Amino acid sequence: MKYVLFYDSAPDVADRAPAYFAEHCARWREFADRGELLMIGTFADPQTDGSMAVFTTEESARQFAESDPFVVNGVVSSWRIKPWNEALA
């Protein structure tokens, strides 16, 4: 089982994200280097559809979100984690 972290973007995401982008990338690289973060990215329209990331554990997804500069600084308006049963790896 994997765990998908969904982000909903704040109304002014395009204006706010650049200020925290480098810190956000550094954070996800830490999780990727440990093998806990498998994929991350925005949907085609991040303002409307947000973004998602796939983690190996629910704990790592929660730890990431709780300390992500995008969450801490209001670039993300809300987040949630859903367990995901992958069918094809």
N, C-alpha and C. Protein backbone atom coordinates (compact mmCIF):
# COMPACT_ATOMS: atom_id res chain seq x y z
N MET A 1 0.84 -1.18 0.00
CA MET A 1 0.00 0.00 0.00
C MET A 1 0.89 1.24 0.00
N LYS A 2 0.44 2.25 -0.70
CA LYS A 2 1.11 3.55 -0.72
C LYS A 2 0.15 4.58 -0.13
N TYR A 3 0.66 5.79 0.08
CA TYR A 3 -0.15 6.86 0.67
C TYR A 3 0.00 8.11 -0.18
N VAL A 4 -1.13 8.65 -0.60
CA VAL A 4 -1.13 9.82 -1.48
C VAL A 4 -1.49 11.06 -0.67
N LEU A 5 -0.61 12.02 -0.74
CA LEU A 5 -0.81 13.32 -0.08
C LEU A 5 -1.35 14.28 -1.13
N PHE A 6 -2.53 14.82 -0.89
CA PHE A 6 -3.14 15.80 -1.79
C PHE A 6 -3.05 17.18 -1.17
N TYR A 7 -2.69 18.16 -1.98
CA TYR A 7 -2.64 19.56 -1.57
C TYR A 7 -3.68 20.35 -2.34
N ASP A 8 -4.40 21.20 -1.64
CA ASP A 8 -5.26 22.20 -2.27
C ASP A 8 -4.51 23.52 -2.21
N SER A 9 -4.45 24.21 -3.32
CA SER A 9 -3.69 25.46 -3.41
C SER A 9 -4.43 26.62 -2.78
N ALA A 10 -3.67 27.51 -2.15
CA ALA A 10 -4.24 28.77 -1.66
C ALA A 10 -4.65 29.61 -2.87
N PRO A 11 -5.57 30.56 -2.68
CA PRO A 11 -6.04 31.37 -3.81
C PRO A 11 -4.93 32.12 -4.55
N ASP A 12 -3.85 32.45 -3.86
CA ASP A 12 -2.76 33.21 -4.48
C ASP A 12 -1.49 32.37 -4.64
N VAL A 13 -1.66 31.09 -4.96
CA VAL A 13 -0.53 30.16 -5.04
C VAL A 13 0.55 30.63 -6.01
N ALA A 14 0.18 31.17 -7.15
CA ALA A 14 1.17 31.59 -8.14
C ALA A 14 2.05 32.72 -7.62
N ASP A 15 1.49 33.57 -6.77
CA ASP A 15 2.25 34.67 -6.21
C ASP A 15 3.10 34.24 -5.01
N ARG A 16 2.58 33.31 -4.21
CA ARG A 16 3.25 32.91 -2.97
C ARG A 16 4.28 31.80 -3.13
N ALA A 17 4.05 30.88 -4.04
CA ALA A 17 4.92 29.70 -4.17
C ALA A 17 6.38 30.01 -4.48
N PRO A 18 6.69 30.94 -5.37
CA PRO A 18 8.11 31.16 -5.69
C PRO A 18 8.99 31.49 -4.49
N ALA A 19 8.47 32.18 -3.51
CA ALA A 19 9.27 32.56 -2.34
C ALA A 19 9.70 31.35 -1.52
N TYR A 20 8.97 30.24 -1.59
CA TYR A 20 9.23 29.06 -0.77
C TYR A 20 9.60 27.83 -1.59
N PHE A 21 9.72 28.01 -2.91
CA PHE A 21 9.93 26.86 -3.78
C PHE A 21 11.23 26.12 -3.49
N ALA A 22 12.33 26.83 -3.31
CA ALA A 22 13.62 26.18 -3.04
C ALA A 22 13.57 25.36 -1.75
N GLU A 23 12.96 25.91 -0.70
CA GLU A 23 12.83 25.18 0.57
C GLU A 23 11.94 23.96 0.41
N HIS A 24 10.86 24.11 -0.35
CA HIS A 24 9.93 23.02 -0.62
C HIS A 24 10.67 21.88 -1.36
N CYS A 25 11.44 22.22 -2.37
CA CYS A 25 12.19 21.21 -3.13
C CYS A 25 13.24 20.52 -2.26
N ALA A 26 13.91 21.27 -1.43
CA ALA A 26 14.91 20.68 -0.53
C ALA A 26 14.23 19.67 0.41
N ARG A 27 13.04 20.02 0.86
CA ARG A 27 12.30 19.14 1.77
C ARG A 27 11.93 17.84 1.06
N TRP A 28 11.39 17.94 -0.16
CA TRP A 28 11.00 16.70 -0.82
C TRP A 28 12.19 15.88 -1.26
N ARG A 29 13.32 16.50 -1.52
CA ARG A 29 14.53 15.73 -1.85
C ARG A 29 14.99 14.88 -0.67
N GLU A 30 14.85 15.41 0.54
CA GLU A 30 15.20 14.63 1.74
C GLU A 30 14.40 13.34 1.79
N PHE A 31 13.09 13.46 1.57
CA PHE A 31 12.20 12.30 1.63
C PHE A 31 12.47 11.35 0.46
N ALA A 32 12.74 11.89 -0.70
CA ALA A 32 13.04 11.05 -1.88
C ALA A 32 14.36 10.31 -1.68
N ASP A 33 15.36 10.99 -1.15
CA ASP A 33 16.66 10.35 -0.92
C ASP A 33 16.57 9.20 0.08
N ARG A 34 15.63 9.29 1.00
CA ARG A 34 15.42 8.20 1.98
C ARG A 34 14.53 7.09 1.42
N GLY A 35 14.00 7.28 0.21
CA GLY A 35 13.13 6.29 -0.40
C GLY A 35 11.70 6.33 0.07
N GLU A 36 11.31 7.39 0.77
CA GLU A 36 9.96 7.51 1.31
C GLU A 36 9.00 8.23 0.37
N LEU A 37 9.53 9.11 -0.47
CA LEU A 37 8.73 9.86 -1.45
C LEU A 37 9.02 9.29 -2.82
N LEU A 38 7.98 8.78 -3.49
CA LEU A 38 8.15 8.12 -4.78
C LEU A 38 7.86 9.03 -5.96
N MET A 39 6.88 9.90 -5.83
CA MET A 39 6.49 10.81 -6.91
C MET A 39 5.91 12.07 -6.29
N ILE A 40 6.06 13.20 -7.00
CA ILE A 40 5.47 14.45 -6.52
C ILE A 40 5.25 15.37 -7.72
N GLY A 41 4.19 16.15 -7.69
CA GLY A 41 3.97 17.11 -8.76
C GLY A 41 2.59 17.73 -8.71
N THR A 42 2.44 18.76 -9.53
CA THR A 42 1.16 19.45 -9.62
C THR A 42 0.29 18.80 -10.70
N PHE A 43 -0.98 19.08 -10.62
CA PHE A 43 -1.88 18.71 -11.70
C PHE A 43 -1.76 19.80 -12.77
N ALA A 44 -2.39 19.60 -13.92
CA ALA A 44 -2.25 20.53 -15.04
C ALA A 44 -2.54 21.97 -14.65
N ASP A 45 -3.56 22.17 -13.81
CA ASP A 45 -3.90 23.51 -13.32
C ASP A 45 -3.76 23.50 -11.80
N PRO A 46 -2.57 23.82 -11.30
CA PRO A 46 -2.36 23.73 -9.85
C PRO A 46 -3.26 24.64 -9.04
N GLN A 47 -3.66 25.76 -9.60
CA GLN A 47 -4.54 26.68 -8.86
C GLN A 47 -5.88 26.00 -8.58
N THR A 48 -6.43 25.35 -9.56
CA THR A 48 -7.74 24.71 -9.41
C THR A 48 -7.65 23.30 -8.84
N ASP A 49 -6.67 22.53 -9.31
CA ASP A 49 -6.61 21.11 -8.99
C ASP A 49 -5.58 20.72 -7.94
N GLY A 50 -4.67 21.64 -7.60
CA GLY A 50 -3.68 21.36 -6.57
C GLY A 50 -2.57 20.45 -7.04
N SER A 51 -2.10 19.61 -6.11
CA SER A 51 -0.97 18.74 -6.41
C SER A 51 -1.06 17.48 -5.56
N MET A 52 -0.14 16.55 -5.82
CA MET A 52 -0.14 15.30 -5.05
C MET A 52 1.27 14.75 -4.96
N ALA A 53 1.46 13.87 -3.98
CA ALA A 53 2.72 13.17 -3.81
C ALA A 53 2.40 11.76 -3.30
N VAL A 54 3.22 10.80 -3.70
CA VAL A 54 3.02 9.41 -3.30
C VAL A 54 4.16 9.01 -2.36
N PHE A 55 3.78 8.52 -1.19
CA PHE A 55 4.73 8.13 -0.15
C PHE A 55 4.61 6.64 0.16
N THR A 56 5.66 6.10 0.74
CA THR A 56 5.66 4.68 1.11
C THR A 56 4.93 4.41 2.41
N THR A 57 4.83 5.43 3.28
CA THR A 57 4.11 5.25 4.55
C THR A 57 3.25 6.47 4.84
N GLU A 58 2.21 6.24 5.62
CA GLU A 58 1.35 7.35 6.03
C GLU A 58 2.12 8.31 6.94
N GLU A 59 2.97 7.76 7.79
CA GLU A 59 3.76 8.58 8.70
C GLU A 59 4.67 9.54 7.93
N SER A 60 5.32 9.07 6.89
CA SER A 60 6.21 9.96 6.13
C SER A 60 5.41 11.02 5.38
N ALA A 61 4.24 10.68 4.88
CA ALA A 61 3.39 11.67 4.20
C ALA A 61 2.97 12.76 5.20
N ARG A 62 2.58 12.35 6.39
CA ARG A 62 2.16 13.32 7.42
C ARG A 62 3.33 14.19 7.88
N GLN A 63 4.49 13.59 8.10
CA GLN A 63 5.67 14.35 8.51
C GLN A 63 6.04 15.38 7.44
N PHE A 64 5.98 14.96 6.20
CA PHE A 64 6.30 15.87 5.11
C PHE A 64 5.35 17.07 5.12
N ALA A 65 4.06 16.80 5.13
CA ALA A 65 3.06 17.87 5.06
C ALA A 65 3.16 18.82 6.24
N GLU A 66 3.32 18.29 7.42
CA GLU A 66 3.33 19.13 8.62
C GLU A 66 4.52 20.10 8.67
N SER A 67 5.60 19.78 7.96
CA SER A 67 6.77 20.65 7.98
C SER A 67 7.11 21.26 6.63
N ASP A 68 6.29 21.02 5.62
CA ASP A 68 6.55 21.55 4.29
C ASP A 68 6.41 23.08 4.31
N PRO A 69 7.41 23.80 3.81
CA PRO A 69 7.31 25.27 3.76
C PRO A 69 6.06 25.77 3.02
N PHE A 70 5.56 25.02 2.07
CA PHE A 70 4.33 25.42 1.38
C PHE A 70 3.13 25.39 2.33
N VAL A 71 3.09 24.42 3.21
CA VAL A 71 2.00 24.34 4.19
C VAL A 71 2.20 25.39 5.28
N VAL A 72 3.39 25.43 5.84
CA VAL A 72 3.70 26.33 6.95
C VAL A 72 3.48 27.79 6.58
N ASN A 73 3.74 28.14 5.32
CA ASN A 73 3.64 29.54 4.88
C ASN A 73 2.39 29.86 4.07
N GLY A 74 1.40 28.99 4.09
CA GLY A 74 0.10 29.29 3.49
C GLY A 74 0.01 29.19 1.98
N VAL A 75 0.97 28.56 1.33
CA VAL A 75 0.88 28.34 -0.12
C VAL A 75 -0.18 27.26 -0.39
N VAL A 76 -0.32 26.36 0.57
CA VAL A 76 -1.31 25.29 0.52
C VAL A 76 -2.42 25.64 1.50
N SER A 77 -3.67 25.58 1.03
CA SER A 77 -4.79 25.93 1.90
C SER A 77 -5.25 24.75 2.75
N SER A 78 -5.09 23.53 2.24
CA SER A 78 -5.45 22.34 3.01
C SER A 78 -4.75 21.14 2.39
N TRP A 79 -4.67 20.06 3.18
CA TRP A 79 -4.06 18.83 2.70
C TRP A 79 -4.75 17.64 3.33
N ARG A 80 -4.61 16.49 2.67
CA ARG A 80 -5.20 15.25 3.18
C ARG A 80 -4.38 14.07 2.64
N ILE A 81 -4.44 12.97 3.35
CA ILE A 81 -3.72 11.76 2.96
C ILE A 81 -4.75 10.66 2.75
N LYS A 82 -4.59 9.93 1.64
CA LYS A 82 -5.46 8.78 1.37
C LYS A 82 -4.61 7.55 1.11
N PRO A 83 -4.96 6.42 1.72
CA PRO A 83 -4.27 5.18 1.39
C PRO A 83 -4.63 4.76 -0.03
N TRP A 84 -3.65 4.18 -0.73
CA TRP A 84 -3.85 3.82 -2.14
C TRP A 84 -3.33 2.43 -2.38
N ASN A 85 -4.18 1.58 -2.93
CA ASN A 85 -3.80 0.21 -3.28
C ASN A 85 -3.36 0.21 -4.74
N GLU A 86 -2.06 0.27 -4.97
CA GLU A 86 -1.58 0.27 -6.35
C GLU A 86 -1.82 -1.09 -6.97
N ALA A 87 -2.24 -1.08 -8.23
CA ALA A 87 -2.52 -2.33 -8.93
C ALA A 87 -1.39 -2.74 -9.87
N LEU A 88 -0.64 -1.76 -10.35
CA LEU A 88 0.45 -2.03 -11.29
C LEU A 88 1.65 -1.20 -10.88
N ALA A 89 2.72 -1.85 -10.56
CA ALA A 89 3.92 -1.12 -10.12
C ALA A 89 5.01 -1.21 -11.16
